[in-house]
C-alpha atoms as a PDB file:
ATOM      1  CA  UNK A   1      38.297  81.869 -85.779  1.00  0.00           C
ATOM      2  CA  UNK A   2      36.537  79.304 -87.959  1.00  0.00           C
ATOM      3  CA  UNK A   3      33.187  81.097 -88.143  1.00  0.00           C
ATOM      4  CA  UNK A   4      30.727  83.229 -86.177  1.00  0.00           C
ATOM      5  CA  UNK A   5      29.572  80.281 -84.076  1.00  0.00           C
ATOM      6  CA  UNK A   6      33.143  79.770 -82.879  1.00  0.00           C
ATOM      7  CA  UNK A   7      33.404  83.474 -82.101  1.00  0.00           C
ATOM      8  CA  UNK A   8      30.160  83.453 -80.110  1.00  0.00           C
ATOM      9  CA  UNK A   9      31.517  80.757 -77.801  1.00  0.00           C
ATOM     10  CA  UNK A  10      34.157  83.187 -76.536  1.00  0.00           C
ATOM     11  CA  UNK A  11      31.796  86.094 -75.942  1.00  0.00           C
ATOM     12  CA  UNK A  12      30.286  86.596 -72.492  1.00  0.00           C
ATOM     13  CA  UNK A  13      26.631  87.534 -72.552  1.00  0.00           C
ATOM     14  CA  UNK A  14      25.244  90.098 -72.292  1.00  0.00           C
ATOM     15  CA  UNK A  15      27.999  92.338 -73.591  1.00  0.00           C
ATOM     16  CA  UNK A  16      27.986  95.815 -75.062  1.00  0.00           C
ATOM     17  CA  UNK A  17      29.467  95.968 -78.540  1.00  0.00           C
ATOM     18  CA  UNK A  18      29.407  98.965 -80.896  1.00  0.00           C
ATOM     19  CA  UNK A  19      26.601  98.360 -83.356  1.00  0.00           C
ATOM     20  CA  UNK A  20      28.743  97.892 -86.475  1.00  0.00           C
ATOM     21  CA  UNK A  21      31.252  95.653 -84.685  1.00  0.00           C
ATOM     22  CA  UNK A  22      28.573  93.571 -82.984  1.00  0.00           C
ATOM     23  CA  UNK A  23      28.387  89.911 -83.917  1.00  0.00           C
ATOM     24  CA  UNK A  24      24.688  90.162 -84.814  1.00  0.00           C
ATOM     25  CA  UNK A  25      25.328  92.977 -87.300  1.00  0.00           C
ATOM     26  CA  UNK A  26      28.432  91.421 -88.864  1.00  0.00           C
ATOM     27  CA  UNK A  27      26.745  88.035 -89.152  1.00  0.00           C
ATOM     28  CA  UNK A  28      23.763  89.572 -90.967  1.00  0.00           C
ATOM     29  CA  UNK A  29      26.061  91.423 -93.358  1.00  0.00           C
ATOM     30  CA  UNK A  30      28.084  88.280 -94.073  1.00  0.00           C
ATOM     31  CA  UNK A  31      24.923  86.245 -94.674  1.00  0.00           C
ATOM     32  CA  UNK A  32      23.665  88.630 -97.335  1.00  0.00           C
ATOM     33  CA  UNK A  33      26.785  90.007 -98.959  1.00  0.00           C
ATOM     34  CA  UNK A  34      29.828  87.809 -98.298  1.00  0.00           C
ATOM     35  CA  UNK A  35      31.138  84.314 -98.876  1.00  0.00           C
ATOM     36  CA  UNK A  36      32.914  82.213 -96.259  1.00  0.00           C
ATOM     37  CA  UNK A  37      36.109  81.973 -98.296  1.00  0.00           C
ATOM     38  CA  UNK A  38      36.463  85.781 -98.200  1.00  0.00           C
ATOM     39  CA  UNK A  39      35.996  86.203 -94.433  1.00  0.00           C
ATOM     40  CA  UNK A  40      38.827  86.658 -91.962  1.00  0.00           C
ATOM     41  CA  UNK A  41      37.729  86.448 -88.301  1.00  0.00           C
ATOM     42  CA  UNK A  42      40.615  86.987 -85.911  1.00  0.00           C
ATOM     43  CA  UNK A  43      40.256  86.309 -82.193  1.00  0.00           C
ATOM     44  CA  UNK A  44      42.440  88.539 -80.005  1.00  0.00           C
ATOM     45  CA  UNK A  45      43.899  86.998 -76.841  1.00  0.00           C
ATOM     46  CA  UNK A  46      46.038  88.320 -73.994  1.00  0.00           C
ATOM     47  CA  UNK A  47      47.771  85.617 -71.983  1.00  0.00           C
ATOM     48  CA  UNK A  48      45.224  83.120 -73.330  1.00  0.00           C
ATOM     49  CA  UNK A  49      42.317  85.316 -72.256  1.00  0.00           C
ATOM     50  CA  UNK A  50      39.932  86.321 -75.057  1.00  0.00           C
ATOM     51  CA  UNK A  51      39.661  90.130 -75.190  1.00  0.00           C
ATOM     52  CA  UNK A  52      38.250  90.876 -78.625  1.00  0.00           C
ATOM     53  CA  UNK A  53      38.199  90.216 -82.327  1.00  0.00           C
ATOM     54  CA  UNK A  54      38.727  91.755 -85.710  1.00  0.00           C
ATOM     55  CA  UNK A  55      36.391  90.940 -88.613  1.00  0.00           C
ATOM     56  CA  UNK A  56      37.842  91.493 -92.080  1.00  0.00           C
ATOM     57  CA  UNK A  57      37.019  90.565 -95.651  1.00  0.00           C
ATOM     58  CA  UNK A  58      38.889  90.130 -98.903  1.00  0.00           C
ATOM     59  CA  UNK A  59      37.411  92.613-101.387  1.00  0.00           C
ATOM     60  CA  UNK A  60      39.012  92.554-104.843  1.00  0.00           C
ATOM     61  CA  UNK A  61      42.673  93.341-104.137  1.00  0.00           C
ATOM     62  CA  UNK A  62      42.066  94.880-100.696  1.00  0.00           C
ATOM     63  CA  UNK A  63      41.534  93.621 -97.153  1.00  0.00           C
ATOM     64  CA  UNK A  64      38.790  95.698 -95.519  1.00  0.00           C
ATOM     65  CA  UNK A  65      36.706  95.613 -92.365  1.00  0.00           C
ATOM     66  CA  UNK A  66      33.809  93.186 -92.754  1.00  0.00           C
ATOM     67  CA  UNK A  67      30.783  95.314 -93.645  1.00  0.00           C
ATOM     68  CA  UNK A  68      32.706  97.976 -95.522  1.00  0.00           C
ATOM     69  CA  UNK A  69      32.635  96.753 -99.088  1.00  0.00           C
ATOM     70  CA  UNK A  70      29.990  98.344-101.335  1.00  0.00           C
ATOM     71  CA  UNK A  71      27.142  95.975-102.189  1.00  0.00           C
ATOM     72  CA  UNK A  72      24.700  95.620-105.079  1.00  0.00           C
ATOM     73  CA  UNK A  73      25.000  98.868-107.080  1.00  0.00           C
ATOM     74  CA  UNK A  74      27.836 100.257-104.912  1.00  0.00           C
ATOM     75  CA  UNK A  75      25.613 100.942-101.902  1.00  0.00           C
ATOM     76  CA  UNK A  76      27.237 101.253 -98.488  1.00  0.00           C
ATOM     77  CA  UNK A  77      25.409 100.065 -95.375  1.00  0.00           C
ATOM     78  CA  UNK A  78      27.994 100.155 -92.553  1.00  0.00           C
ATOM     79  CA  UNK A  79      28.758 103.489 -90.910  1.00  0.00           C
ATOM     80  CA  UNK A  80      31.741 102.900 -88.596  1.00  0.00           C
ATOM     81  CA  UNK A  81      34.719 100.575 -88.951  1.00  0.00           C
ATOM     82  CA  UNK A  82      36.912  99.153 -86.181  1.00  0.00           C
ATOM     83  CA  UNK A  83      37.880  96.043 -84.251  1.00  0.00           C
ATOM     84  CA  UNK A  84      36.178  95.076 -80.989  1.00  0.00           C
ATOM     85  CA  UNK A  85      38.027  95.015 -77.677  1.00  0.00           C
ATOM     86  CA  UNK A  86      36.726  94.537 -74.149  1.00  0.00           C
ATOM     87  CA  UNK A  87      39.632  96.699 -72.906  1.00  0.00           C
ATOM     88  CA  UNK A  88      40.455  99.807 -74.941  1.00  0.00           C
ATOM     89  CA  UNK A  89      43.313 101.104 -72.797  1.00  0.00           C
ATOM     90  CA  UNK A  90      46.028 102.349 -75.125  1.00  0.00           C
ATOM     91  CA  UNK A  91      48.605  99.690 -74.290  1.00  0.00           C
ATOM     92  CA  UNK A  92      46.139  96.854 -74.858  1.00  0.00           C
ATOM     93  CA  UNK A  93      44.906  98.357 -78.141  1.00  0.00           C
ATOM     94  CA  UNK A  94      48.455  98.704 -79.456  1.00  0.00           C
ATOM     95  CA  UNK A  95      49.215  95.082 -78.584  1.00  0.00           C
ATOM     96  CA  UNK A  96      45.984  93.984 -80.276  1.00  0.00           C
ATOM     97  CA  UNK A  97      46.840  95.772 -83.516  1.00  0.00           C
ATOM     98  CA  UNK A  98      50.409  94.481 -83.388  1.00  0.00           C
ATOM     99  CA  UNK A  99      49.023  90.939 -83.169  1.00  0.00           C
ATOM    100  CA  UNK A 100      46.586  91.581 -86.021  1.00  0.00           C
ATOM    101  CA  UNK A 101      49.310  93.022 -88.233  1.00  0.00           C
ATOM    102  CA  UNK A 102      51.624  90.111 -87.476  1.00  0.00           C
ATOM    103  CA  UNK A 103      48.907  87.654 -88.510  1.00  0.00           C
ATOM    104  CA  UNK A 104      48.484  89.419 -91.840  1.00  0.00           C
ATOM    105  CA  UNK A 105      52.250  89.568 -92.376  1.00  0.00           C
ATOM    106  CA  UNK A 106      52.551  85.854 -91.600  1.00  0.00           C
ATOM    107  CA  UNK A 107      49.870  85.200 -94.212  1.00  0.00           C
ATOM    108  CA  UNK A 108      51.626  87.260 -96.898  1.00  0.00           C
ATOM    109  CA  UNK A 109      49.156  90.153 -96.774  1.00  0.00           C
ATOM    110  CA  UNK A 110      50.996  93.460 -96.989  1.00  0.00           C
ATOM    111  CA  UNK A 111      48.208  96.065 -96.824  1.00  0.00           C
ATOM    112  CA  UNK A 112      44.924  96.831 -95.050  1.00  0.00           C
ATOM    113  CA  UNK A 113      42.260  99.398 -95.867  1.00  0.00           C
ATOM    114  CA  UNK A 114      40.387 100.605 -92.780  1.00  0.00           C
ATOM    115  CA  UNK A 115      37.323 102.667 -93.708  1.00  0.00           C
ATOM    116  CA  UNK A 116      35.190 105.051 -91.641  1.00  0.00           C
ATOM    117  CA  UNK A 117      37.339 104.936 -88.509  1.00  0.00           C
ATOM    118  CA  UNK A 118      36.058 107.407 -85.921  1.00  0.00           C
ATOM    119  CA  UNK A 119      38.284 110.261 -84.756  1.00  0.00           C
ATOM    120  CA  UNK A 120      37.603 109.281 -81.130  1.00  0.00           C
ATOM    121  CA  UNK A 121      38.695 105.687 -81.735  1.00  0.00           C
ATOM    122  CA  UNK A 122      41.865 104.344 -80.167  1.00  0.00           C
ATOM    123  CA  UNK A 123      42.530 102.705 -83.545  1.00  0.00           C
ATOM    124  CA  UNK A 124      42.707 106.114 -85.210  1.00  0.00           C
ATOM    125  CA  UNK A 125      45.071 107.427 -82.520  1.00  0.00           C
ATOM    126  CA  UNK A 126      47.351 104.394 -82.824  1.00  0.00           C
ATOM    127  CA  UNK A 127      47.866 104.745 -86.556  1.00  0.00           C
ATOM    128  CA  UNK A 128      47.988 108.527 -86.494  1.00  0.00           C
ATOM    129  CA  UNK A 129      50.916 108.259 -84.084  1.00  0.00           C
ATOM    130  CA  UNK A 130      52.556 105.395 -86.055  1.00  0.00           C
ATOM    131  CA  UNK A 131      52.654 103.070 -83.051  1.00  0.00           C
ATOM    132  CA  UNK A 132      52.663  99.799 -85.001  1.00  0.00           C
ATOM    133  CA  UNK A 133      56.124  98.621 -86.046  1.00  0.00           C
ATOM    134  CA  UNK A 134      56.918  97.659 -89.640  1.00  0.00           C
ATOM    135  CA  UNK A 135      54.031  99.699 -91.052  1.00  0.00           C
ATOM    136  CA  UNK A 136      53.572 102.779 -93.188  1.00  0.00           C
ATOM    137  CA  UNK A 137      50.284 104.600 -92.693  1.00  0.00           C
ATOM    138  CA  UNK A 138      48.319 106.952 -94.958  1.00  0.00           C
ATOM    139  CA  UNK A 139      45.300 108.675 -93.402  1.00  0.00           C
ATOM    140  CA  UNK A 140      42.703 110.660 -95.347  1.00  0.00           C
ATOM    141  CA  UNK A 141      39.472 112.405 -94.376  1.00  0.00           C
ATOM    142  CA  UNK A 142      36.575 110.270 -95.573  1.00  0.00           C
ATOM    143  CA  UNK A 143      33.218 111.421 -94.167  1.00  0.00           C
ATOM    144  CA  UNK A 144      31.407 113.063 -91.253  1.00  0.00           C
ATOM    145  CA  UNK A 145      28.941 111.552 -88.800  1.00  0.00           C
ATOM    146  CA  UNK A 146      26.789 114.220 -87.095  1.00  0.00           C
ATOM    147  CA  UNK A 147      25.548 113.557 -83.563  1.00  0.00           C
ATOM    148  CA  UNK A 148      23.815 115.290 -80.652  1.00  0.00           C
ATOM    149  CA  UNK A 149      24.882 115.037 -77.017  1.00  0.00           C
ATOM    150  CA  UNK A 150      21.478 115.209 -75.360  1.00  0.00           C
ATOM    151  CA  UNK A 151      20.773 117.493 -72.365  1.00  0.00           C
ATOM    152  CA  UNK A 152      18.465 116.457 -69.526  1.00  0.00           C
ATOM    153  CA  UNK A 153      15.415 118.449 -70.660  1.00  0.00           C
ATOM    154  CA  UNK A 154      13.640 119.479 -73.851  1.00  0.00           C
ATOM    155  CA  UNK A 155      13.875 123.146 -72.911  1.00  0.00           C
ATOM    156  CA  UNK A 156      17.660 122.855 -72.566  1.00  0.00           C
ATOM    157  CA  UNK A 157      17.786 121.134 -75.945  1.00  0.00           C
ATOM    158  CA  UNK A 158      15.885 123.999 -77.562  1.00  0.00           C
ATOM    159  CA  UNK A 159      18.165 126.547 -75.898  1.00  0.00           C
ATOM    160  CA  UNK A 160      21.199 124.660 -77.258  1.00  0.00           C
ATOM    161  CA  UNK A 161      20.077 125.343 -80.827  1.00  0.00           C
ATOM    162  CA  UNK A 162      21.144 128.470 -82.648  1.00  0.00           C
ATOM    163  CA  UNK A 163      18.487 131.154 -82.490  1.00  0.00           C
ATOM    164  CA  UNK A 164      17.593 130.722 -86.164  1.00  0.00           C
ATOM    165  CA  UNK A 165      17.356 126.927 -85.892  1.00  0.00           C
ATOM    166  CA  UNK A 166      15.277 127.131 -82.705  1.00  0.00           C
ATOM    167  CA  UNK A 167      12.844 129.618 -84.254  1.00  0.00           C
ATOM    168  CA  UNK A 168      12.516 127.538 -87.416  1.00  0.00           C
ATOM    169  CA  UNK A 169      11.898 124.307 -85.504  1.00  0.00           C
ATOM    170  CA  UNK A 170       9.176 125.921 -83.409  1.00  0.00           C
ATOM    171  CA  UNK A 171       7.590 127.348 -86.566  1.00  0.00           C
ATOM    172  CA  UNK A 172       7.527 123.948 -88.249  1.00  0.00           C
ATOM    173  CA  UNK A 173       6.092 122.268 -85.172  1.00  0.00           C
ATOM    174  CA  UNK A 174       3.371 124.904 -84.968  1.00  0.00           C
ATOM    175  CA  UNK A 175       2.526 124.373 -88.637  1.00  0.00           C
ATOM    176  CA  UNK A 176       2.191 120.643 -88.042  1.00  0.00           C
ATOM    177  CA  UNK A 177      -0.211 121.366 -85.201  1.00  0.00           C
ATOM    178  CA  UNK A 178      -2.679 122.717 -87.771  1.00  0.00           C
ATOM    179  CA  UNK A 179      -3.443 119.158 -88.923  1.00  0.00           C
ATOM    180  CA  UNK A 180      -4.306 115.989 -87.052  1.00  0.00           C
ATOM    181  CA  UNK A 181      -0.990 114.276 -86.423  1.00  0.00           C
ATOM    182  CA  UNK A 182       0.741 111.904 -84.049  1.00  0.00           C
ATOM    183  CA  UNK A 183       3.970 109.932 -83.916  1.00  0.00           C
ATOM    184  CA  UNK A 184       4.472 106.422 -82.662  1.00  0.00           C
ATOM    185  CA  UNK A 185       7.489 104.188 -82.034  1.00  0.00           C
ATOM    186  CA  UNK A 186       7.447 100.424 -81.689  1.00  0.00           C
ATOM    187  CA  UNK A 187      10.187  98.085 -80.462  1.00  0.00           C
ATOM    188  CA  UNK A 188       8.223  95.019 -81.525  1.00  0.00           C
ATOM    189  CA  UNK A 189       6.867  95.854 -84.920  1.00  0.00           C
ATOM    190  CA  UNK A 190       4.527  93.979 -87.184  1.00  0.00           C
ATOM    191  CA  UNK A 191       5.497  93.110 -90.749  1.00  0.00           C
ATOM    192  CA  UNK A 192       3.040  95.805 -91.852  1.00  0.00           C
ATOM    193  CA  UNK A 193       5.050  98.498 -90.052  1.00  0.00           C
ATOM    194  CA  UNK A 194       8.229  97.312 -91.742  1.00  0.00           C
ATOM    195  CA  UNK A 195       6.521  97.437 -95.139  1.00  0.00           C
ATOM    196  CA  UNK A 196       5.493 101.034 -94.421  1.00  0.00           C
ATOM    197  CA  UNK A 197       9.085 101.900 -93.568  1.00  0.00           C
ATOM    198  CA  UNK A 198      10.260 100.396 -96.868  1.00  0.00           C
ATOM    199  CA  UNK A 199       7.558 102.228 -98.814  1.00  0.00           C
ATOM    200  CA  UNK A 200       8.475 105.579 -97.273  1.00  0.00           C
ATOM    201  CA  UNK A 201      12.203 104.955 -97.747  1.00  0.00           C
ATOM    202  CA  UNK A 202      11.666 104.309-101.453  1.00  0.00           C
ATOM    203  CA  UNK A 203       9.416 107.361-101.771  1.00  0.00           C
ATOM    204  CA  UNK A 204      12.076 109.700-100.358  1.00  0.00           C
ATOM    205  CA  UNK A 205      14.020 110.173-103.598  1.00  0.00           C
ATOM    206  CA  UNK A 206      15.268 108.279-106.634  1.00  0.00           C
ATOM    207  CA  UNK A 207      18.584 107.335-105.015  1.00  0.00           C
ATOM    208  CA  UNK A 208      16.883 105.795-101.989  1.00  0.00           C
ATOM    209  CA  UNK A 209      14.475 103.956-104.275  1.00  0.00           C
ATOM    210  CA  UNK A 210      17.456 102.478-106.102  1.00  0.00           C
ATOM    211  CA  UNK A 211      19.188 101.689-102.809  1.00  0.00           C
ATOM    212  CA  UNK A 212      16.237  99.796-101.321  1.00  0.00           C
ATOM    213  CA  UNK A 213      16.201  96.832-103.694  1.00  0.00           C
ATOM    214  CA  UNK A 214      14.491  93.594-102.696  1.00  0.00           C
ATOM    215  CA  UNK A 215      17.883  92.233-101.623  1.00  0.00           C
ATOM    216  CA  UNK A 216      18.523  95.275 -99.434  1.00  0.00           C
ATOM    217  CA  UNK A 217      15.028  95.018 -97.986  1.00  0.00           C
ATOM    218  CA  UNK A 218      15.773  91.433 -96.952  1.00  0.00           C
ATOM    219  CA  UNK A 219      19.003  92.567 -95.243  1.00  0.00           C
ATOM    220  CA  UNK A 220      17.167  95.326 -93.338  1.00  0.00           C
ATOM    221  CA  UNK A 221      14.519  92.839 -92.180  1.00  0.00           C
ATOM    222  CA  UNK A 222      17.159  90.444 -90.893  1.00  0.00           C
ATOM    223  CA  UNK A 223      18.880  93.305 -89.041  1.00  0.00           C
ATOM    224  CA  UNK A 224      15.611  94.275 -87.432  1.00  0.00           C
ATOM    225  CA  UNK A 225      14.698  90.736 -86.416  1.00  0.00           C
ATOM    226  CA  UNK A 226      18.181  89.539 -85.353  1.00  0.00           C
ATOM    227  CA  UNK A 227      18.754  88.504 -81.751  1.00  0.00           C
ATOM    228  CA  UNK A 228      20.681  91.515 -80.518  1.00  0.00           C
ATOM    229  CA  UNK A 229      21.274  90.919 -76.836  1.00  0.00           C
ATOM    230  CA  UNK A 230      20.849  94.266 -75.080  1.00  0.00           C
ATOM    231  CA  UNK A 231      20.402  96.185 -78.336  1.00  0.00           C
ATOM    232  CA  UNK A 232      16.871  97.056 -79.443  1.00  0.00           C
ATOM    233  CA  UNK A 233      15.537  97.919 -82.879  1.00  0.00           C
ATOM    234  CA  UNK A 234      12.786 100.488 -83.271  1.00  0.00           C
ATOM    235  CA  UNK A 235      10.569 101.802 -86.060  1.00  0.00           C
ATOM    236  CA  UNK A 236       9.039 105.261 -85.610  1.00  0.00           C
ATOM    237  CA  UNK A 237       6.395 106.924 -87.752  1.00  0.00           C
ATOM    238  CA  UNK A 238       4.731 110.294 -88.116  1.00  0.00           C
ATOM    239  CA  UNK A 239       1.127 110.137 -89.241  1.00  0.00           C
ATOM    240  CA  UNK A 240      -0.971 112.970 -90.646  1.00  0.00           C
ATOM    241  CA  UNK A 241      -4.722 112.457 -90.966  1.00  0.00           C
ATOM    242  CA  UNK A 242      -4.151 108.739 -90.402  1.00  0.00           C
ATOM    243  CA  UNK A 243      -1.550 108.360 -93.174  1.00  0.00           C
ATOM    244  CA  UNK A 244       2.067 107.333 -92.659  1.00  0.00           C
ATOM    245  CA  UNK A 245       4.228 110.250 -93.823  1.00  0.00           C
ATOM    246  CA  UNK A 246       7.743 109.599 -92.455  1.00  0.00           C
ATOM    247  CA  UNK A 247       9.697 106.859 -90.720  1.00  0.00           C
ATOM    248  CA  UNK A 248      12.943 106.178 -88.827  1.00  0.00           C
ATOM    249  CA  UNK A 249      14.630 102.838 -88.255  1.00  0.00           C
ATOM    250  CA  UNK A 250      16.947 103.074 -85.260  1.00  0.00           C
ATOM    251  CA  UNK A 251      19.005 100.872 -82.982  1.00  0.00           C
ATOM    252  CA  UNK A 252      19.269 101.647 -79.290  1.00  0.00           C
ATOM    253  CA  UNK A 253      21.487 100.560 -76.410  1.00  0.00           C
ATOM    254  CA  UNK A 254      20.982 101.896 -72.894  1.00  0.00           C
ATOM    255  CA  UNK A 255      21.357 105.692 -73.281  1.00  0.00           C
ATOM    256  CA  UNK A 256      22.384 105.750 -76.968  1.00  0.00           C
ATOM    257  CA  UNK A 257      20.252 105.979 -80.126  1.00  0.00           C
ATOM    258  CA  UNK A 258      21.589 105.375 -83.635  1.00  0.00           C
ATOM    259  CA  UNK A 259      19.289 106.587 -86.426  1.00  0.00           C
ATOM    260  CA  UNK A 260      20.199 103.983 -89.038  1.00  0.00           C
ATOM    261  CA  UNK A 261      17.890 104.983 -91.872  1.00  0.00           C
ATOM    262  CA  UNK A 262      14.752 106.941 -92.612  1.00  0.00           C
ATOM    263  CA  UNK A 263      12.191 107.777 -95.248  1.00  0.00           C
ATOM    264  CA  UNK A 264       9.348 110.153 -95.962  1.00  0.00           C
ATOM    265  CA  UNK A 265       6.582 110.913 -98.434  1.00  0.00           C
ATOM    266  CA  UNK A 266       7.574 114.024-100.383  1.00  0.00           C
ATOM    267  CA  UNK A 267       3.887 114.835-100.831  1.00  0.00           C
ATOM    268  CA  UNK A 268       4.073 116.084 -97.231  1.00  0.00           C
ATOM    269  CA  UNK A 269       7.161 118.270 -97.661  1.00  0.00           C
ATOM    270  CA  UNK A 270       5.133 121.304 -96.591  1.00  0.00           C
ATOM    271  CA  UNK A 271       5.023 119.882 -93.066  1.00  0.00           C
ATOM    272  CA  UNK A 272       8.749 118.927 -92.953  1.00  0.00           C
ATOM    273  CA  UNK A 273       7.713 115.452 -91.855  1.00  0.00           C
ATOM    274  CA  UNK A 274      11.190 113.933 -92.077  1.00  0.00           C
ATOM    275  CA  UNK A 275      12.885 116.540 -89.913  1.00  0.00           C
ATOM    276  CA  UNK A 276      10.032 116.749 -87.408  1.00  0.00           C
ATOM    277  CA  UNK A 277       9.922 112.999 -86.815  1.00  0.00           C
ATOM    278  CA  UNK A 278      13.603 113.218 -85.844  1.00  0.00           C
ATOM    279  CA  UNK A 279      12.707 116.144 -83.565  1.00  0.00           C
ATOM    280  CA  UNK A 280       9.967 114.101 -81.880  1.00  0.00           C
ATOM    281  CA  UNK A 281      12.367 111.179 -81.542  1.00  0.00           C
ATOM    282  CA  UNK A 282      14.960 113.482 -79.945  1.00  0.00           C
ATOM    283  CA  UNK A 283      12.332 114.865 -77.556  1.00  0.00           C
ATOM    284  CA  UNK A 284      11.338 111.351 -76.546  1.00  0.00           C
ATOM    285  CA  UNK A 285      15.011 110.438 -76.081  1.00  0.00           C
ATOM    286  CA  UNK A 286      15.565 113.432 -73.804  1.00  0.00           C
ATOM    287  CA  UNK A 287      12.519 112.486 -71.737  1.00  0.00           C
ATOM    288  CA  UNK A 288      13.897 108.941 -71.379  1.00  0.00           C
ATOM    289  CA  UNK A 289      17.246 110.375 -70.184  1.00  0.00           C
ATOM    290  CA  UNK A 290      19.197 109.200 -73.226  1.00  0.00           C
ATOM    291  CA  UNK A 291      22.621 110.781 -73.696  1.00  0.00           C
ATOM    292  CA  UNK A 292      23.400 110.375 -77.414  1.00  0.00           C
ATOM    293  CA  UNK A 293      21.443 110.747 -80.654  1.00  0.00           C
ATOM    294  CA  UNK A 294      23.711 109.612 -83.473  1.00  0.00           C
ATOM    295  CA  UNK A 295      22.661 110.427 -87.035  1.00  0.00           C
ATOM    296  CA  UNK A 296      25.505 108.251 -88.398  1.00  0.00           C
ATOM    297  CA  UNK A 297      27.283 108.995 -91.678  1.00  0.00           C
ATOM    298  CA  UNK A 298      26.270 111.807 -93.982  1.00  0.00           C
ATOM    299  CA  UNK A 299      26.233 115.582 -93.795  1.00  0.00           C
ATOM    300  CA  UNK A 300      22.589 116.192 -94.691  1.00  0.00           C
ATOM    301  CA  UNK A 301      21.345 119.672 -93.817  1.00  0.00           C
ATOM    302  CA  UNK A 302      18.495 118.569 -91.555  1.00  0.00           C
ATOM    303  CA  UNK A 303      20.942 117.040 -89.062  1.00  0.00           C
ATOM    304  CA  UNK A 304      22.571 120.417 -88.448  1.00  0.00           C
ATOM    305  CA  UNK A 305      19.169 122.134 -88.347  1.00  0.00           C
ATOM    306  CA  UNK A 306      18.510 119.904 -85.335  1.00  0.00           C
ATOM    307  CA  UNK A 307      21.761 120.915 -83.656  1.00  0.00           C
ATOM    308  CA  UNK A 308      24.117 118.078 -84.609  1.00  0.00           C
ATOM    309  CA  UNK A 309      27.898 118.412 -84.453  1.00  0.00           C
ATOM    310  CA  UNK A 310      30.356 116.571 -86.667  1.00  0.00           C
ATOM    311  CA  UNK A 311      32.393 113.530 -85.780  1.00  0.00           C
ATOM    312  CA  UNK A 312      35.164 113.044 -88.348  1.00  0.00           C
ATOM    313  CA  UNK A 313      35.700 109.663 -90.019  1.00  0.00           C
ATOM    314  CA  UNK A 314      38.927 108.571 -91.675  1.00  0.00           C
ATOM    315  CA  UNK A 315      40.282 106.032 -94.131  1.00  0.00           C
ATOM    316  CA  UNK A 316      43.514 104.458 -92.918  1.00  0.00           C
ATOM    317  CA  UNK A 317      45.704 102.578 -95.383  1.00  0.00           C
ATOM    318  CA  UNK A 318      48.293 100.392 -93.663  1.00  0.00           C
ATOM    319  CA  UNK A 319      51.101  98.866 -95.687  1.00  0.00           C
ATOM    320  CA  UNK A 320      54.335  97.028 -95.043  1.00  0.00           C
ATOM    321  CA  UNK A 321      57.251  99.356 -94.364  1.00  0.00           C
END
């Protein structure tokens, strides 16, 4: 593929793509953090029919998924790595990776580094079972990505929590009820809402303040405003006495919610504003009949306090046999 415009010509619309393999996400990342001479966009065809693509990038001496290289001061912004296929049946996926590997071999590239590959991905299964000829594979545990499979009612969600977690959540919600509070989510936000999200993100802790540089802020804005097809971006806030105290930036598709990033004002730690905004967001998701609330990468304690379970992520190093 020459560029993203060429790739878009092959894609039917609308089409569901995993968030971090979607063209809109990859294009935003490339715009802010990559140069054209480092990009490798591979179209995948079966009997001349376009069925997917792989987006890669040259990073120092490694070939990685586009989106996976650390940016600025070694910050990471992409949670899951993979190729995109319209048909993930095992035979098709094997053929796709065989074609990808052959392309790299033909271009004198002898190794790939695949980061944050999900344990439920066909890609992980293929390389775990050594199904690609002429390759040697090394797989290591890299990170966890907690998630919640949502029930069909808030009461069932509460029952699904451990007794201690359920009691603690109810206690925190009751404490919040002692002050004037409300939460609000907007799919079409004003610039002012985005600025509040950035302010709260930077207030969270010193590492997040360092992370959210002006360059990173510009990337987040472009992600939020990108034309995403059937995906929607949302900013949610919890207010206490009229003041913004916590925020969540999420991306949503049909019955799935991905909590991409968040922030809170530590001056309101007494009210657990960060955790409770996630709880309100989960409650709203249940009421809207959503099926998945994905916290994405990172094993922070609050995710498990809200009942999340781990999805394992792996690094896969592929080299010439």
